Amino acid sequence: MRTIPSYLACPCEQHSTLQISQEGLHCLACGQYFETVDGVLDLLMGERFDDEQCDCMWSNEEVTGRFLSQNYLDPLLKHLFDNRLDNALRILSIGCGVGSDVEALNELGYEACGVDAGSRAKYWMRRQWPDRYYLANGKHLPFADESFDVVLMGCVIPHIGVVGDTQTTTLDYLEQRQRAAREMRRVVKKGGYMLISSPNRLCPLDFFHRSRHDAHMPRLHSRQEPFLLSVDDYAMLLREDGDCQQIKVLPLRGYWGFFSSSRYLLGRILQLPVRFYFNQFMSWQWTSKLRSTGLNPWLILLVQR
């Protein structure tokens, strides 16, 4: 690596500037060295995410991430920043997975990068800008303070403070999630935005963590289950230090492409009422107050710092 992006920093507590050395990157504050592994800069501090290695699921994530960026994120960002593309917005995707969302955002003119701590990183060398991806843990982000205009976090917080890739929380799950929330707030600019999404704890139907990837029925769960979060749960994490101006629950229209269930006839039939519920009913203005309740299966929160 000949140059280091200005926003890159050591993931240690000091978030010190990194220096280039023969071994890779060196932090003068904590003394750690970071190397490039399989073409990707490994800035991981803390545990890796033990995500399931399933090529069929990751293939679906490829098209889903690109659809999300083109159909939901791009129109939203243009609205929030009044089409400000002369000075490209800098965007971070935490838990970017295979990285297709980051790639699509860069194609659209944004300056986007992504981090992930799981096995999906093997896909990054397929991307047009593989140097914009970093192995890193969301609780220890390798970036300087206030580096990004927008931080994205899609269904990441529920998977922090759990046993492996399960819905079983650890004893210190809340402390771990608080750490991740603080890091997310730290790296976003004052006045910038965080876009956070995941299934809603208050909705008893979880369409996104089914028993098998090819299962048709949603997962039934208790409203008291600590794995998922509600709007109030997120508000508690994000307003811990009073650093967030507002939290808005956004409509769902255009967020999901329903690609997984579209591959087979039964899935296409069963998705029709779900499509209507997501893209119409839960996106109408007169149902906006219902988005914070148990009637909404998927939360999309826009948080301004």
C-alpha atoms as a PDB file:
ATOM      1  CA  MET A   1       0.000   0.000   0.000  1.00  0.00           C
ATOM      2  CA  ARG A   2       1.585   3.273  -1.148  1.00  0.00           C
ATOM      3  CA  THR A   3      -0.911   5.652   0.428  1.00  0.00           C
ATOM      4  CA  ILE A   4      -3.375   5.447   3.289  1.00  0.00           C
ATOM      5  CA  PRO A   5      -6.877   6.947   2.906  1.00  0.00           C
ATOM      6  CA  SER A   6      -7.286  10.003   5.116  1.00  0.00           C
ATOM      7  CA  TYR A   7     -10.184   8.457   7.004  1.00  0.00           C
ATOM      8  CA  LEU A   8      -8.344   5.239   7.915  1.00  0.00           C
ATOM      9  CA  ALA A   9      -7.106   4.891  11.524  1.00  0.00           C
ATOM     10  CA  CYS A  10      -6.103   2.155  13.925  1.00  0.00           C
ATOM     11  CA  PRO A  11      -9.087   0.342  15.479  1.00  0.00           C
ATOM     12  CA  CYS A  12      -7.479   0.699  18.939  1.00  0.00           C
ATOM     13  CA  GLU A  13      -8.904   3.027  21.602  1.00  0.00           C
ATOM     14  CA  GLN A  14      -6.650   5.908  20.502  1.00  0.00           C
ATOM     15  CA  HIS A  15      -7.692   5.646  16.824  1.00  0.00           C
ATOM     16  CA  SER A  16      -4.188   6.730  15.983  1.00  0.00           C
ATOM     17  CA  THR A  17      -2.905   7.472  12.486  1.00  0.00           C
ATOM     18  CA  LEU A  18      -1.452   4.413  10.753  1.00  0.00           C
ATOM     19  CA  GLN A  19       2.062   4.373   9.316  1.00  0.00           C
ATOM     20  CA  ILE A  20       3.238   2.359   6.298  1.00  0.00           C
ATOM     21  CA  SER A  21       5.990  -0.142   7.112  1.00  0.00           C
ATOM     22  CA  GLN A  22       7.539  -3.206   5.473  1.00  0.00           C
ATOM     23  CA  GLU A  23       5.190  -5.449   7.464  1.00  0.00           C
ATOM     24  CA  GLY A  24       2.091  -3.518   6.370  1.00  0.00           C
ATOM     25  CA  LEU A  25       0.506  -0.792   8.482  1.00  0.00           C
ATOM     26  CA  HIS A  26       1.814   0.088  11.923  1.00  0.00           C
ATOM     27  CA  CYS A  27       0.084   1.942  14.771  1.00  0.00           C
ATOM     28  CA  LEU A  28       2.547   3.994  16.799  1.00  0.00           C
ATOM     29  CA  ALA A  29       0.067   4.302  19.674  1.00  0.00           C
ATOM     30  CA  CYS A  30      -0.645   0.623  20.368  1.00  0.00           C
ATOM     31  CA  GLY A  31       2.229  -0.998  18.446  1.00  0.00           C
ATOM     32  CA  GLN A  32       0.048  -3.306  16.351  1.00  0.00           C
ATOM     33  CA  TYR A  33       0.830  -4.268  12.755  1.00  0.00           C
ATOM     34  CA  PHE A  34      -1.855  -4.887  10.161  1.00  0.00           C
ATOM     35  CA  GLU A  35      -1.280  -6.826   6.955  1.00  0.00           C
ATOM     36  CA  THR A  36      -3.058  -7.421   3.678  1.00  0.00           C
ATOM     37  CA  VAL A  37      -4.502 -10.944   3.577  1.00  0.00           C
ATOM     38  CA  ASP A  38      -5.778 -12.370   0.270  1.00  0.00           C
ATOM     39  CA  GLY A  39      -5.821  -8.871  -1.189  1.00  0.00           C
ATOM     40  CA  VAL A  40      -7.808  -7.358   1.701  1.00  0.00           C
ATOM     41  CA  LEU A  41      -6.440  -5.129   4.456  1.00  0.00           C
ATOM     42  CA  ASP A  42      -7.055  -6.939   7.751  1.00  0.00           C
ATOM     43  CA  LEU A  43      -7.793  -4.330  10.432  1.00  0.00           C
ATOM     44  CA  LEU A  44      -9.738  -6.723  12.594  1.00  0.00           C
ATOM     45  CA  MET A  45      -9.678  -6.125  16.322  1.00  0.00           C
ATOM     46  CA  GLY A  46     -11.972  -8.338  18.345  1.00  0.00           C
ATOM     47  CA  GLU A  47     -13.778 -11.473  17.234  1.00  0.00           C
ATOM     48  CA  ARG A  48     -14.732 -12.532  13.728  1.00  0.00           C
ATOM     49  CA  PHE A  49     -18.354 -13.159  12.820  1.00  0.00           C
ATOM     50  CA  ASP A  50     -19.009 -16.858  12.295  1.00  0.00           C
ATOM     51  CA  ASP A  51     -21.468 -16.462   9.419  1.00  0.00           C
ATOM     52  CA  GLU A  52     -22.786 -19.490   7.576  1.00  0.00           C
ATOM     53  CA  GLN A  53     -20.988 -20.217   4.316  1.00  0.00           C
ATOM     54  CA  CYS A  54     -23.782 -20.675   1.798  1.00  0.00           C
ATOM     55  CA  ASP A  55     -23.117 -19.686  -1.812  1.00  0.00           C
ATOM     56  CA  CYS A  56     -26.822 -19.674  -2.716  1.00  0.00           C
ATOM     57  CA  MET A  57     -27.580 -17.210   0.083  1.00  0.00           C
ATOM     58  CA  TRP A  58     -24.607 -15.037  -0.795  1.00  0.00           C
ATOM     59  CA  SER A  59     -25.623 -15.031  -4.464  1.00  0.00           C
ATOM     60  CA  ASN A  60     -28.988 -13.621  -3.407  1.00  0.00           C
ATOM     61  CA  GLU A  61     -27.168 -11.021  -1.325  1.00  0.00           C
ATOM     62  CA  GLU A  62     -25.280  -9.897  -4.432  1.00  0.00           C
ATOM     63  CA  VAL A  63     -28.447  -8.783  -6.235  1.00  0.00           C
ATOM     64  CA  THR A  64     -30.187  -7.621  -3.064  1.00  0.00           C
ATOM     65  CA  GLY A  65     -27.377  -5.214  -2.143  1.00  0.00           C
ATOM     66  CA  ARG A  66     -27.260  -3.714  -5.610  1.00  0.00           C
ATOM     67  CA  PHE A  67     -31.062  -3.359  -5.707  1.00  0.00           C
ATOM     68  CA  LEU A  68     -31.041  -1.642  -2.312  1.00  0.00           C
ATOM     69  CA  SER A  69     -28.419   0.916  -3.341  1.00  0.00           C
ATOM     70  CA  GLN A  70     -30.053   1.769  -6.663  1.00  0.00           C
ATOM     71  CA  ASN A  71     -33.712   1.771  -5.630  1.00  0.00           C
ATOM     72  CA  TYR A  72     -33.715   2.908  -2.002  1.00  0.00           C
ATOM     73  CA  LEU A  73     -30.423   4.436  -0.889  1.00  0.00           C
ATOM     74  CA  ASP A  74     -29.694   6.605  -3.933  1.00  0.00           C
ATOM     75  CA  PRO A  75     -33.112   8.375  -3.976  1.00  0.00           C
ATOM     76  CA  LEU A  76     -32.987   8.794  -0.191  1.00  0.00           C
ATOM     77  CA  LEU A  77     -29.481  10.276  -0.198  1.00  0.00           C
ATOM     78  CA  LYS A  78     -30.311  12.674  -3.027  1.00  0.00           C
ATOM     79  CA  HIS A  79     -33.315  13.853  -1.030  1.00  0.00           C
ATOM     80  CA  LEU A  80     -31.365  14.250   2.229  1.00  0.00           C
ATOM     81  CA  PHE A  81     -28.416  16.067   0.674  1.00  0.00           C
ATOM     82  CA  ASP A  82     -30.283  17.967  -2.044  1.00  0.00           C
ATOM     83  CA  ASN A  83     -28.531  16.154  -4.918  1.00  0.00           C
ATOM     84  CA  ARG A  84     -25.071  17.106  -3.598  1.00  0.00           C
ATOM     85  CA  LEU A  85     -22.809  15.066  -5.845  1.00  0.00           C
ATOM     86  CA  ASP A  86     -20.326  17.784  -6.787  1.00  0.00           C
ATOM     87  CA  ASN A  87     -18.517  16.948  -3.555  1.00  0.00           C
ATOM     88  CA  ALA A  88     -19.124  13.195  -3.312  1.00  0.00           C
ATOM     89  CA  LEU A  89     -20.690  11.987  -0.094  1.00  0.00           C
ATOM     90  CA  ARG A  90     -18.534   9.580   1.880  1.00  0.00           C
ATOM     91  CA  ILE A  91     -20.505   6.506   2.952  1.00  0.00           C
ATOM     92  CA  LEU A  92     -19.606   3.584   5.209  1.00  0.00           C
ATOM     93  CA  SER A  93     -21.461   0.251   5.100  1.00  0.00           C
ATOM     94  CA  ILE A  94     -20.939  -1.682   8.351  1.00  0.00           C
ATOM     95  CA  GLY A  95     -21.475  -5.398   7.867  1.00  0.00           C
ATOM     96  CA  CYS A  96     -21.413  -4.980   4.085  1.00  0.00           C
ATOM     97  CA  GLY A  97     -21.266  -8.741   3.459  1.00  0.00           C
ATOM     98  CA  VAL A  98     -20.399  -9.514  -0.161  1.00  0.00           C
ATOM     99  CA  GLY A  99     -20.063  -5.766  -0.791  1.00  0.00           C
ATOM    100  CA  SER A 100     -22.409  -5.292  -3.748  1.00  0.00           C
ATOM    101  CA  ASP A 101     -24.101  -2.344  -2.017  1.00  0.00           C
ATOM    102  CA  VAL A 102     -20.744  -0.550  -1.723  1.00  0.00           C
ATOM    103  CA  GLU A 103     -19.893  -1.281  -5.342  1.00  0.00           C
ATOM    104  CA  ALA A 104     -23.245   0.058  -6.582  1.00  0.00           C
ATOM    105  CA  LEU A 105     -22.913   3.237  -4.494  1.00  0.00           C
ATOM    106  CA  ASN A 106     -19.470   3.922  -5.956  1.00  0.00           C
ATOM    107  CA  GLU A 107     -20.880   3.419  -9.458  1.00  0.00           C
ATOM    108  CA  LEU A 108     -23.543   6.010  -8.619  1.00  0.00           C
ATOM    109  CA  GLY A 109     -20.896   8.602  -7.772  1.00  0.00           C
ATOM    110  CA  TYR A 110     -20.569   8.275  -4.015  1.00  0.00           C
ATOM    111  CA  GLU A 111     -17.331   7.582  -2.154  1.00  0.00           C
ATOM    112  CA  ALA A 112     -18.298   4.381  -0.381  1.00  0.00           C
ATOM    113  CA  CYS A 113     -16.359   1.769   1.566  1.00  0.00           C
ATOM    114  CA  GLY A 114     -17.372  -1.285   3.557  1.00  0.00           C
ATOM    115  CA  VAL A 115     -16.308  -3.369   6.541  1.00  0.00           C
ATOM    116  CA  ASP A 116     -17.214  -6.881   7.566  1.00  0.00           C
ATOM    117  CA  ALA A 117     -15.825  -9.439   9.991  1.00  0.00           C
ATOM    118  CA  GLY A 118     -17.178 -12.591   8.348  1.00  0.00           C
ATOM    119  CA  SER A 119     -16.539 -15.068   5.559  1.00  0.00           C
ATOM    120  CA  ARG A 120     -18.256 -12.955   2.897  1.00  0.00           C
ATOM    121  CA  ALA A 121     -15.021 -10.988   2.530  1.00  0.00           C
ATOM    122  CA  LYS A 122     -13.817 -13.595   0.037  1.00  0.00           C
ATOM    123  CA  TYR A 123     -16.150 -11.951  -2.494  1.00  0.00           C
ATOM    124  CA  TRP A 124     -14.480  -8.563  -2.295  1.00  0.00           C
ATOM    125  CA  MET A 125     -11.791  -9.305  -4.854  1.00  0.00           C
ATOM    126  CA  ARG A 126     -14.606  -9.545  -7.429  1.00  0.00           C
ATOM    127  CA  ARG A 127     -15.538  -5.933  -6.805  1.00  0.00           C
ATOM    128  CA  GLN A 128     -14.441  -3.034  -9.012  1.00  0.00           C
ATOM    129  CA  TRP A 129     -12.785  -1.256  -6.062  1.00  0.00           C
ATOM    130  CA  PRO A 130     -11.489  -4.040  -3.767  1.00  0.00           C
ATOM    131  CA  ASP A 131      -9.294  -1.556  -1.889  1.00  0.00           C
ATOM    132  CA  ARG A 132     -12.421   0.062  -0.436  1.00  0.00           C
ATOM    133  CA  TYR A 133     -13.207  -2.951   1.753  1.00  0.00           C
ATOM    134  CA  TYR A 134     -11.673  -3.714   5.129  1.00  0.00           C
ATOM    135  CA  LEU A 135     -11.833  -6.661   7.481  1.00  0.00           C
ATOM    136  CA  ALA A 136     -12.984  -5.024  10.706  1.00  0.00           C
ATOM    137  CA  ASN A 137     -15.268  -5.496  13.680  1.00  0.00           C
ATOM    138  CA  GLY A 138     -18.165  -3.061  14.146  1.00  0.00           C
ATOM    139  CA  LYS A 139     -17.184  -2.599  17.786  1.00  0.00           C
ATOM    140  CA  HIS A 140     -13.693  -1.457  16.782  1.00  0.00           C
ATOM    141  CA  LEU A 141     -13.970   0.563  13.570  1.00  0.00           C
ATOM    142  CA  PRO A 142     -10.676   1.470  11.832  1.00  0.00           C
ATOM    143  CA  PHE A 143     -11.655   5.049  11.048  1.00  0.00           C
ATOM    144  CA  ALA A 144     -10.998   8.517  12.415  1.00  0.00           C
ATOM    145  CA  ASP A 145     -13.725  10.484  14.190  1.00  0.00           C
ATOM    146  CA  GLU A 146     -16.397  12.080  11.978  1.00  0.00           C
ATOM    147  CA  SER A 147     -15.099  10.511   8.765  1.00  0.00           C
ATOM    148  CA  PHE A 148     -18.413   9.778   7.021  1.00  0.00           C
ATOM    149  CA  ASP A 149     -21.481  11.690   5.893  1.00  0.00           C
ATOM    150  CA  VAL A 150     -23.609   8.543   6.098  1.00  0.00           C
ATOM    151  CA  VAL A 151     -23.189   5.233   7.929  1.00  0.00           C
ATOM    152  CA  LEU A 152     -25.281   2.223   6.892  1.00  0.00           C
ATOM    153  CA  MET A 153     -25.922  -0.756   9.138  1.00  0.00           C
ATOM    154  CA  GLY A 154     -28.282  -3.387   7.742  1.00  0.00           C
ATOM    155  CA  CYS A 155     -29.334  -6.071  10.251  1.00  0.00           C
ATOM    156  CA  VAL A 156     -26.032  -5.953  12.133  1.00  0.00           C
ATOM    157  CA  ILE A 157     -26.895  -4.993  15.733  1.00  0.00           C
ATOM    158  CA  PRO A 158     -29.033  -8.140  16.344  1.00  0.00           C
ATOM    159  CA  HIS A 159     -26.008 -10.271  15.434  1.00  0.00           C
ATOM    160  CA  ILE A 160     -23.789  -8.534  17.985  1.00  0.00           C
ATOM    161  CA  GLY A 161     -23.672 -10.148  21.405  1.00  0.00           C
ATOM    162  CA  VAL A 162     -24.953 -13.533  20.244  1.00  0.00           C
ATOM    163  CA  VAL A 163     -23.519 -17.036  20.267  1.00  0.00           C
ATOM    164  CA  GLY A 164     -22.073 -17.599  16.785  1.00  0.00           C
ATOM    165  CA  ASP A 165     -24.625 -17.062  14.029  1.00  0.00           C
ATOM    166  CA  THR A 166     -27.647 -17.825  16.241  1.00  0.00           C
ATOM    167  CA  GLN A 167     -30.466 -15.979  18.000  1.00  0.00           C
ATOM    168  CA  THR A 168     -29.062 -16.797  21.455  1.00  0.00           C
ATOM    169  CA  THR A 169     -27.742 -13.713  23.229  1.00  0.00           C
ATOM    170  CA  THR A 170     -24.737 -13.666  25.546  1.00  0.00           C
ATOM    171  CA  LEU A 171     -24.780 -12.283  29.088  1.00  0.00           C
ATOM    172  CA  ASP A 172     -23.044  -9.083  27.983  1.00  0.00           C
ATOM    173  CA  TYR A 173     -25.010  -8.591  24.757  1.00  0.00           C
ATOM    174  CA  LEU A 174     -26.244  -5.113  25.734  1.00  0.00           C
ATOM    175  CA  GLU A 175     -22.743  -3.903  26.543  1.00  0.00           C
ATOM    176  CA  GLN A 176     -21.468  -5.202  23.191  1.00  0.00           C
ATOM    177  CA  ARG A 177     -24.287  -3.480  21.298  1.00  0.00           C
ATOM    178  CA  GLN A 178     -23.654  -0.229  23.159  1.00  0.00           C
ATOM    179  CA  ARG A 179     -20.034  -0.402  22.045  1.00  0.00           C
ATOM    180  CA  ALA A 180     -21.056  -0.849  18.393  1.00  0.00           C
ATOM    181  CA  ALA A 181     -23.551   2.028  18.617  1.00  0.00           C
ATOM    182  CA  ARG A 182     -20.910   4.334  20.104  1.00  0.00           C
ATOM    183  CA  GLU A 183     -18.492   3.459  17.308  1.00  0.00           C
ATOM    184  CA  MET A 184     -21.116   4.133  14.666  1.00  0.00           C
ATOM    185  CA  ARG A 185     -21.898   7.538  16.173  1.00  0.00           C
ATOM    186  CA  ARG A 186     -18.200   8.331  16.506  1.00  0.00           C
ATOM    187  CA  VAL A 187     -17.349   7.921  12.821  1.00  0.00           C
ATOM    188  CA  VAL A 188     -20.337   9.819  11.387  1.00  0.00           C
ATOM    189  CA  LYS A 189     -20.018  13.578  10.945  1.00  0.00           C
ATOM    190  CA  LYS A 190     -21.985  15.990  13.076  1.00  0.00           C
ATOM    191  CA  GLY A 191     -25.195  16.580  11.137  1.00  0.00           C
ATOM    192  CA  GLY A 192     -24.669  13.366   9.162  1.00  0.00           C
ATOM    193  CA  TYR A 193     -26.973  10.369   9.077  1.00  0.00           C
ATOM    194  CA  MET A 194     -27.075   6.758  10.203  1.00  0.00           C
ATOM    195  CA  LEU A 195     -29.431   4.376   8.394  1.00  0.00           C
ATOM    196  CA  ILE A 196     -30.117   1.289  10.488  1.00  0.00           C
ATOM    197  CA  SER A 197     -32.404  -1.608   9.631  1.00  0.00           C
ATOM    198  CA  SER A 198     -33.407  -4.997  11.044  1.00  0.00           C
ATOM    199  CA  PRO A 199     -36.502  -7.047  11.918  1.00  0.00           C
ATOM    200  CA  ASN A 200     -38.748  -5.516  14.569  1.00  0.00           C
ATOM    201  CA  ARG A 201     -38.719  -7.201  17.996  1.00  0.00           C
ATOM    202  CA  LEU A 202     -42.353  -6.188  18.561  1.00  0.00           C
ATOM    203  CA  CYS A 203     -43.543  -8.096  15.478  1.00  0.00           C
ATOM    204  CA  PRO A 204     -43.990 -11.805  16.309  1.00  0.00           C
ATOM    205  CA  LEU A 205     -43.203 -12.809  12.715  1.00  0.00           C
ATOM    206  CA  ASP A 206     -39.532 -12.748  11.719  1.00  0.00           C
ATOM    207  CA  PHE A 207     -39.346 -13.181   7.929  1.00  0.00           C
ATOM    208  CA  PHE A 208     -35.573 -12.856   7.860  1.00  0.00           C
ATOM    209  CA  HIS A 209     -34.225 -15.479  10.299  1.00  0.00           C
ATOM    210  CA  ARG A 210     -36.130 -18.584   9.306  1.00  0.00           C
ATOM    211  CA  SER A 211     -35.144 -22.099  10.362  1.00  0.00           C
ATOM    212  CA  ARG A 212     -33.827 -22.813   6.843  1.00  0.00           C
ATOM    213  CA  HIS A 213     -33.002 -20.530   3.927  1.00  0.00           C
ATOM    214  CA  ASP A 214     -35.511 -22.363   1.728  1.00  0.00           C
ATOM    215  CA  ALA A 215     -38.291 -22.339   4.370  1.00  0.00           C
ATOM    216  CA  HIS A 216     -41.512 -20.538   3.466  1.00  0.00           C
ATOM    217  CA  MET A 217     -42.869 -19.788   6.929  1.00  0.00           C
ATOM    218  CA  PRO A 218     -41.539 -16.891   9.029  1.00  0.00           C
ATOM    219  CA  ARG A 219     -39.974 -17.566  12.426  1.00  0.00           C
ATOM    220  CA  LEU A 220     -42.339 -17.092  15.365  1.00  0.00           C
ATOM    221  CA  HIS A 221     -40.724 -15.461  18.381  1.00  0.00           C
ATOM    222  CA  SER A 222     -41.563 -13.784  21.659  1.00  0.00           C
ATOM    223  CA  ARG A 223     -41.797  -9.993  21.867  1.00  0.00           C
ATOM    224  CA  GLN A 224     -39.477 -10.240  24.887  1.00  0.00           C
ATOM    225  CA  GLU A 225     -36.769 -12.032  22.900  1.00  0.00           C
ATOM    226  CA  PRO A 226     -33.550  -9.952  23.290  1.00  0.00           C
ATOM    227  CA  PHE A 227     -32.105 -11.012  19.916  1.00  0.00           C
ATOM    228  CA  LEU A 228     -34.121  -8.456  17.927  1.00  0.00           C
ATOM    229  CA  LEU A 229     -34.642  -4.770  18.710  1.00  0.00           C
ATOM    230  CA  SER A 230     -37.565  -2.350  18.671  1.00  0.00           C
ATOM    231  CA  VAL A 231     -37.530   1.366  17.886  1.00  0.00           C
ATOM    232  CA  ASP A 232     -37.232   2.117  21.614  1.00  0.00           C
ATOM    233  CA  ASP A 233     -34.318  -0.319  21.922  1.00  0.00           C
ATOM    234  CA  TYR A 234     -32.444   1.461  19.148  1.00  0.00           C
ATOM    235  CA  ALA A 235     -33.293   4.866  20.639  1.00  0.00           C
ATOM    236  CA  MET A 236     -31.788   3.793  23.956  1.00  0.00           C
ATOM    237  CA  LEU A 237     -28.553   2.732  22.241  1.00  0.00           C
ATOM    238  CA  LEU A 238     -28.258   5.738  19.951  1.00  0.00           C
ATOM    239  CA  ARG A 239     -29.206   8.414  22.478  1.00  0.00           C
ATOM    240  CA  GLU A 240     -26.895   7.087  25.162  1.00  0.00           C
ATOM    241  CA  ASP A 241     -24.813  10.278  25.208  1.00  0.00           C
ATOM    242  CA  GLY A 242     -27.455  12.658  23.846  1.00  0.00           C
ATOM    243  CA  ASP A 243     -25.598  12.925  20.547  1.00  0.00           C
ATOM    244  CA  CYS A 244     -28.495  12.147  18.175  1.00  0.00           C
ATOM    245  CA  GLN A 245     -30.881  14.857  17.017  1.00  0.00           C
ATOM    246  CA  GLN A 246     -33.775  12.733  15.767  1.00  0.00           C
ATOM    247  CA  ILE A 247     -34.840   9.205  14.911  1.00  0.00           C
ATOM    248  CA  LYS A 248     -37.322   8.692  12.087  1.00  0.00           C
ATOM    249  CA  VAL A 249     -38.926   5.395  11.044  1.00  0.00           C
ATOM    250  CA  LEU A 250     -38.904   5.287   7.245  1.00  0.00           C
ATOM    251  CA  PRO A 251     -41.322   3.594   4.813  1.00  0.00           C
ATOM    252  CA  LEU A 252     -40.366   0.199   3.378  1.00  0.00           C
ATOM    253  CA  ARG A 253     -41.170   0.767  -0.307  1.00  0.00           C
ATOM    254  CA  GLY A 254     -38.249  -0.145  -2.567  1.00  0.00           C
ATOM    255  CA  TYR A 255     -36.023  -1.579   0.153  1.00  0.00           C
ATOM    256  CA  TRP A 256     -36.499  -5.268  -0.662  1.00  0.00           C
ATOM    257  CA  GLY A 257     -36.382  -6.879  -4.093  1.00  0.00           C
ATOM    258  CA  PHE A 258     -37.706 -10.283  -2.906  1.00  0.00           C
ATOM    259  CA  PHE A 259     -35.186 -12.071  -5.117  1.00  0.00           C
ATOM    260  CA  SER A 260     -34.839 -15.192  -2.986  1.00  0.00           C
ATOM    261  CA  SER A 261     -38.528 -16.141  -3.077  1.00  0.00           C
ATOM    262  CA  SER A 262     -38.813 -15.176  -6.754  1.00  0.00           C
ATOM    263  CA  ARG A 263     -36.753 -18.188  -7.819  1.00  0.00           C
ATOM    264  CA  TYR A 264     -39.646 -20.637  -7.467  1.00  0.00           C
ATOM    265  CA  LEU A 265     -43.397 -20.551  -8.155  1.00  0.00           C
ATOM    266  CA  LEU A 266     -44.617 -21.044  -4.575  1.00  0.00           C
ATOM    267  CA  GLY A 267     -42.334 -18.266  -3.421  1.00  0.00           C
ATOM    268  CA  ARG A 268     -43.659 -15.878  -6.071  1.00  0.00           C
ATOM    269  CA  ILE A 269     -47.215 -16.633  -4.988  1.00  0.00           C
ATOM    270  CA  LEU A 270     -46.552 -16.297  -1.253  1.00  0.00           C
ATOM    271  CA  GLN A 271     -44.626 -13.050  -1.688  1.00  0.00           C
ATOM    272  CA  LEU A 272     -47.584 -11.197  -3.238  1.00  0.00           C
ATOM    273  CA  PRO A 273     -49.300 -10.260   0.049  1.00  0.00           C
ATOM    274  CA  VAL A 274     -45.911  -9.552   1.634  1.00  0.00           C
ATOM    275  CA  ARG A 275     -44.963  -7.241  -1.240  1.00  0.00           C
ATOM    276  CA  PHE A 276     -48.253  -5.372  -0.861  1.00  0.00           C
ATOM    277  CA  TYR A 277     -47.822  -5.067   2.895  1.00  0.00           C
ATOM    278  CA  PHE A 278     -44.225  -3.828   2.657  1.00  0.00           C
ATOM    279  CA  ASN A 279     -44.374  -1.644  -0.457  1.00  0.00           C
ATOM    280  CA  GLN A 280     -47.890  -0.278  -0.048  1.00  0.00           C
ATOM    281  CA  PHE A 281     -49.570  -0.564   3.348  1.00  0.00           C
ATOM    282  CA  MET A 282     -46.458   0.088   5.480  1.00  0.00           C
ATOM    283  CA  SER A 283     -45.316   2.858   3.138  1.00  0.00           C
ATOM    284  CA  TRP A 284     -48.494   4.961   3.012  1.00  0.00           C
ATOM    285  CA  GLN A 285     -48.355   8.261   4.861  1.00  0.00           C
ATOM    286  CA  TRP A 286     -51.495   7.526   6.875  1.00  0.00           C
ATOM    287  CA  THR A 287     -49.956   4.329   8.267  1.00  0.00           C
ATOM    288  CA  SER A 288     -46.659   6.008   9.233  1.00  0.00           C
ATOM    289  CA  LYS A 289     -47.496   5.863  12.954  1.00  0.00           C
ATOM    290  CA  LEU A 290     -47.827   2.079  12.685  1.00  0.00           C
ATOM    291  CA  ARG A 291     -44.195   1.654  11.619  1.00  0.00           C
ATOM    292  CA  SER A 292     -43.015   1.753  15.244  1.00  0.00           C
ATOM    293  CA  THR A 293     -45.506  -0.893  16.345  1.00  0.00           C
ATOM    294  CA  GLY A 294     -45.644  -4.665  16.145  1.00  0.00           C
ATOM    295  CA  LEU A 295     -47.535  -4.389  12.854  1.00  0.00           C
ATOM    296  CA  ASN A 296     -44.281  -3.529  11.083  1.00  0.00           C
ATOM    297  CA  PRO A 297     -41.999  -6.556  10.520  1.00  0.00           C
ATOM    298  CA  TRP A 298     -38.942  -4.589   9.291  1.00  0.00           C
ATOM    299  CA  LEU A 299     -37.575  -1.372  10.784  1.00  0.00           C
ATOM    300  CA  ILE A 300     -35.682   1.234   8.769  1.00  0.00           C
ATOM    301  CA  LEU A 301     -34.435   4.009  11.035  1.00  0.00           C
ATOM    302  CA  LEU A 302     -32.953   7.285   9.837  1.00  0.00           C
ATOM    303  CA  VAL A 303     -30.925   8.827  12.636  1.00  0.00           C
ATOM    304  CA  GLN A 304     -29.294  12.253  12.450  1.00  0.00           C
ATOM    305  CA  ARG A 305     -26.322  13.011  14.638  1.00  0.00           C
END
